[in-house]
Amino acid sequence: MELQTQALALTLERAFPGQVQVRYINVLRDSQGPELPQTEILRSGAYPPPLVYINGQGRFAGGLPAERIREEVGRCLTSAPEN
């Protein structure tokens, strides 16, 4: 999954240079894991791993659909208020 996440990060960086950050967290191994609400979601079986969050909101579960994630990130970026 870590390699798939790296590939997704490259895809998003090509599509949105300098505008996105992708982070992989293995909630079972990361020291933050027990504190994250996603850990309980995964343990409950409500959604299959991996969970994909965009701007802190759960968007996808069970895979890394790169094209759908790219589209969703694009929508988020175009609707984000300018600073």
C-alpha atoms as a PDB file:
ATOM      1  CA  MET A   1       0.000   0.000   0.000  1.00  0.00           C
ATOM      2  CA  GLU A   2       2.894   2.340   0.688  1.00  0.00           C
ATOM      3  CA  LEU A   3       4.135   1.989  -2.906  1.00  0.00           C
ATOM      4  CA  GLN A   4       0.639   2.639  -4.259  1.00  0.00           C
ATOM      5  CA  THR A   5       0.471   5.754  -2.116  1.00  0.00           C
ATOM      6  CA  GLN A   6       3.795   6.965  -3.509  1.00  0.00           C
ATOM      7  CA  ALA A   7       2.529   6.395  -7.054  1.00  0.00           C
ATOM      8  CA  LEU A   8      -0.636   8.328  -6.216  1.00  0.00           C
ATOM      9  CA  ALA A   9       1.476  11.165  -4.786  1.00  0.00           C
ATOM     10  CA  LEU A  10       3.432  11.364  -8.063  1.00  0.00           C
ATOM     11  CA  THR A  11       0.220  11.391 -10.090  1.00  0.00           C
ATOM     12  CA  LEU A  12      -1.244  14.188  -7.987  1.00  0.00           C
ATOM     13  CA  GLU A  13       1.980  16.200  -8.054  1.00  0.00           C
ATOM     14  CA  ARG A  14       1.992  16.019 -11.860  1.00  0.00           C
ATOM     15  CA  ALA A  15      -1.642  17.113 -12.006  1.00  0.00           C
ATOM     16  CA  PHE A  16      -1.391  19.792  -9.308  1.00  0.00           C
ATOM     17  CA  PRO A  17       2.261  20.884  -8.981  1.00  0.00           C
ATOM     18  CA  GLY A  18       3.066  22.148  -5.495  1.00  0.00           C
ATOM     19  CA  GLN A  19      -0.582  22.176  -4.429  1.00  0.00           C
ATOM     20  CA  VAL A  20      -1.081  18.814  -2.739  1.00  0.00           C
ATOM     21  CA  GLN A  21       0.440  16.718   0.002  1.00  0.00           C
ATOM     22  CA  VAL A  22      -0.056  12.964   0.264  1.00  0.00           C
ATOM     23  CA  ARG A  23       0.620  11.166   3.519  1.00  0.00           C
ATOM     24  CA  TYR A  24       0.496   7.441   4.209  1.00  0.00           C
ATOM     25  CA  ILE A  25      -0.255   6.394   7.776  1.00  0.00           C
ATOM     26  CA  ASN A  26      -0.307   2.773   8.850  1.00  0.00           C
ATOM     27  CA  VAL A  27      -2.543   3.159  11.893  1.00  0.00           C
ATOM     28  CA  LEU A  28      -1.367  -0.179  13.309  1.00  0.00           C
ATOM     29  CA  ARG A  29       2.301   0.850  13.276  1.00  0.00           C
ATOM     30  CA  ASP A  30       2.305   4.646  13.513  1.00  0.00           C
ATOM     31  CA  SER A  31       2.629   6.138  16.988  1.00  0.00           C
ATOM     32  CA  GLN A  32      -0.368   8.387  16.209  1.00  0.00           C
ATOM     33  CA  GLY A  33      -2.505   5.363  15.318  1.00  0.00           C
ATOM     34  CA  PRO A  34      -4.280   4.844  18.637  1.00  0.00           C
ATOM     35  CA  GLU A  35      -5.313   8.521  18.719  1.00  0.00           C
ATOM     36  CA  LEU A  36      -6.732   8.660  15.199  1.00  0.00           C
ATOM     37  CA  PRO A  37     -10.486   8.196  14.677  1.00  0.00           C
ATOM     38  CA  GLN A  38      -9.697   6.245  11.499  1.00  0.00           C
ATOM     39  CA  THR A  39      -8.197   3.461  13.628  1.00  0.00           C
ATOM     40  CA  GLU A  40     -11.550   2.796  15.277  1.00  0.00           C
ATOM     41  CA  ILE A  41     -13.311   2.939  11.903  1.00  0.00           C
ATOM     42  CA  LEU A  42     -10.988   0.258  10.550  1.00  0.00           C
ATOM     43  CA  ARG A  43     -11.235  -1.894  13.673  1.00  0.00           C
ATOM     44  CA  SER A  44     -15.035  -1.730  13.608  1.00  0.00           C
ATOM     45  CA  GLY A  45     -15.068  -3.145  10.088  1.00  0.00           C
ATOM     46  CA  ALA A  46     -17.377  -0.359   8.933  1.00  0.00           C
ATOM     47  CA  TYR A  47     -15.084   0.367   5.975  1.00  0.00           C
ATOM     48  CA  PRO A  48     -12.281  -1.641   4.383  1.00  0.00           C
ATOM     49  CA  PRO A  49      -8.732  -0.299   4.232  1.00  0.00           C
ATOM     50  CA  PRO A  50      -7.291   1.872   2.933  1.00  0.00           C
ATOM     51  CA  LEU A  51      -9.203   4.959   3.919  1.00  0.00           C
ATOM     52  CA  VAL A  52      -8.599   8.042   1.779  1.00  0.00           C
ATOM     53  CA  TYR A  53      -9.110  11.439   3.354  1.00  0.00           C
ATOM     54  CA  ILE A  54      -9.026  14.706   1.440  1.00  0.00           C
ATOM     55  CA  ASN A  55      -8.841  17.917   3.463  1.00  0.00           C
ATOM     56  CA  GLY A  56      -9.632  15.910   6.591  1.00  0.00           C
ATOM     57  CA  GLN A  57     -12.803  14.326   5.231  1.00  0.00           C
ATOM     58  CA  GLY A  58     -13.235  10.650   4.402  1.00  0.00           C
ATOM     59  CA  ARG A  59     -13.755  10.251   0.657  1.00  0.00           C
ATOM     60  CA  PHE A  60     -12.832   6.696  -0.391  1.00  0.00           C
ATOM     61  CA  ALA A  61     -12.393   3.281   1.223  1.00  0.00           C
ATOM     62  CA  GLY A  62     -11.145  -0.064   0.008  1.00  0.00           C
ATOM     63  CA  GLY A  63      -8.665   1.110  -2.606  1.00  0.00           C
ATOM     64  CA  LEU A  64      -6.767   3.967  -4.171  1.00  0.00           C
ATOM     65  CA  PRO A  65      -8.744   4.864  -7.302  1.00  0.00           C
ATOM     66  CA  ALA A  66      -6.159   7.320  -8.652  1.00  0.00           C
ATOM     67  CA  GLU A  67      -8.348   8.914 -11.316  1.00  0.00           C
ATOM     68  CA  ARG A  68     -11.301   9.424  -8.951  1.00  0.00           C
ATOM     69  CA  ILE A  69      -8.985  10.824  -6.272  1.00  0.00           C
ATOM     70  CA  ARG A  70      -7.406  13.182  -8.826  1.00  0.00           C
ATOM     71  CA  GLU A  71     -10.865  14.383  -9.876  1.00  0.00           C
ATOM     72  CA  GLU A  72     -11.933  14.932  -6.266  1.00  0.00           C
ATOM     73  CA  VAL A  73      -8.723  16.812  -5.436  1.00  0.00           C
ATOM     74  CA  GLY A  74      -9.275  18.954  -8.538  1.00  0.00           C
ATOM     75  CA  ARG A  75     -12.796  19.811  -7.353  1.00  0.00           C
ATOM     76  CA  CYS A  76     -11.471  20.694  -3.903  1.00  0.00           C
ATOM     77  CA  LEU A  77      -8.782  22.931  -5.355  1.00  0.00           C
ATOM     78  CA  THR A  78     -11.151  24.783  -7.661  1.00  0.00           C
ATOM     79  CA  SER A  79     -13.659  25.373  -4.864  1.00  0.00           C
ATOM     80  CA  ALA A  80     -11.050  26.408  -2.271  1.00  0.00           C
ATOM     81  CA  PRO A  81     -11.142  30.087  -1.274  1.00  0.00           C
ATOM     82  CA  GLU A  82      -8.117  32.073  -2.437  1.00  0.00           C
ATOM     83  CA  ASN A  83      -5.831  33.584   0.202  1.00  0.00           C
END
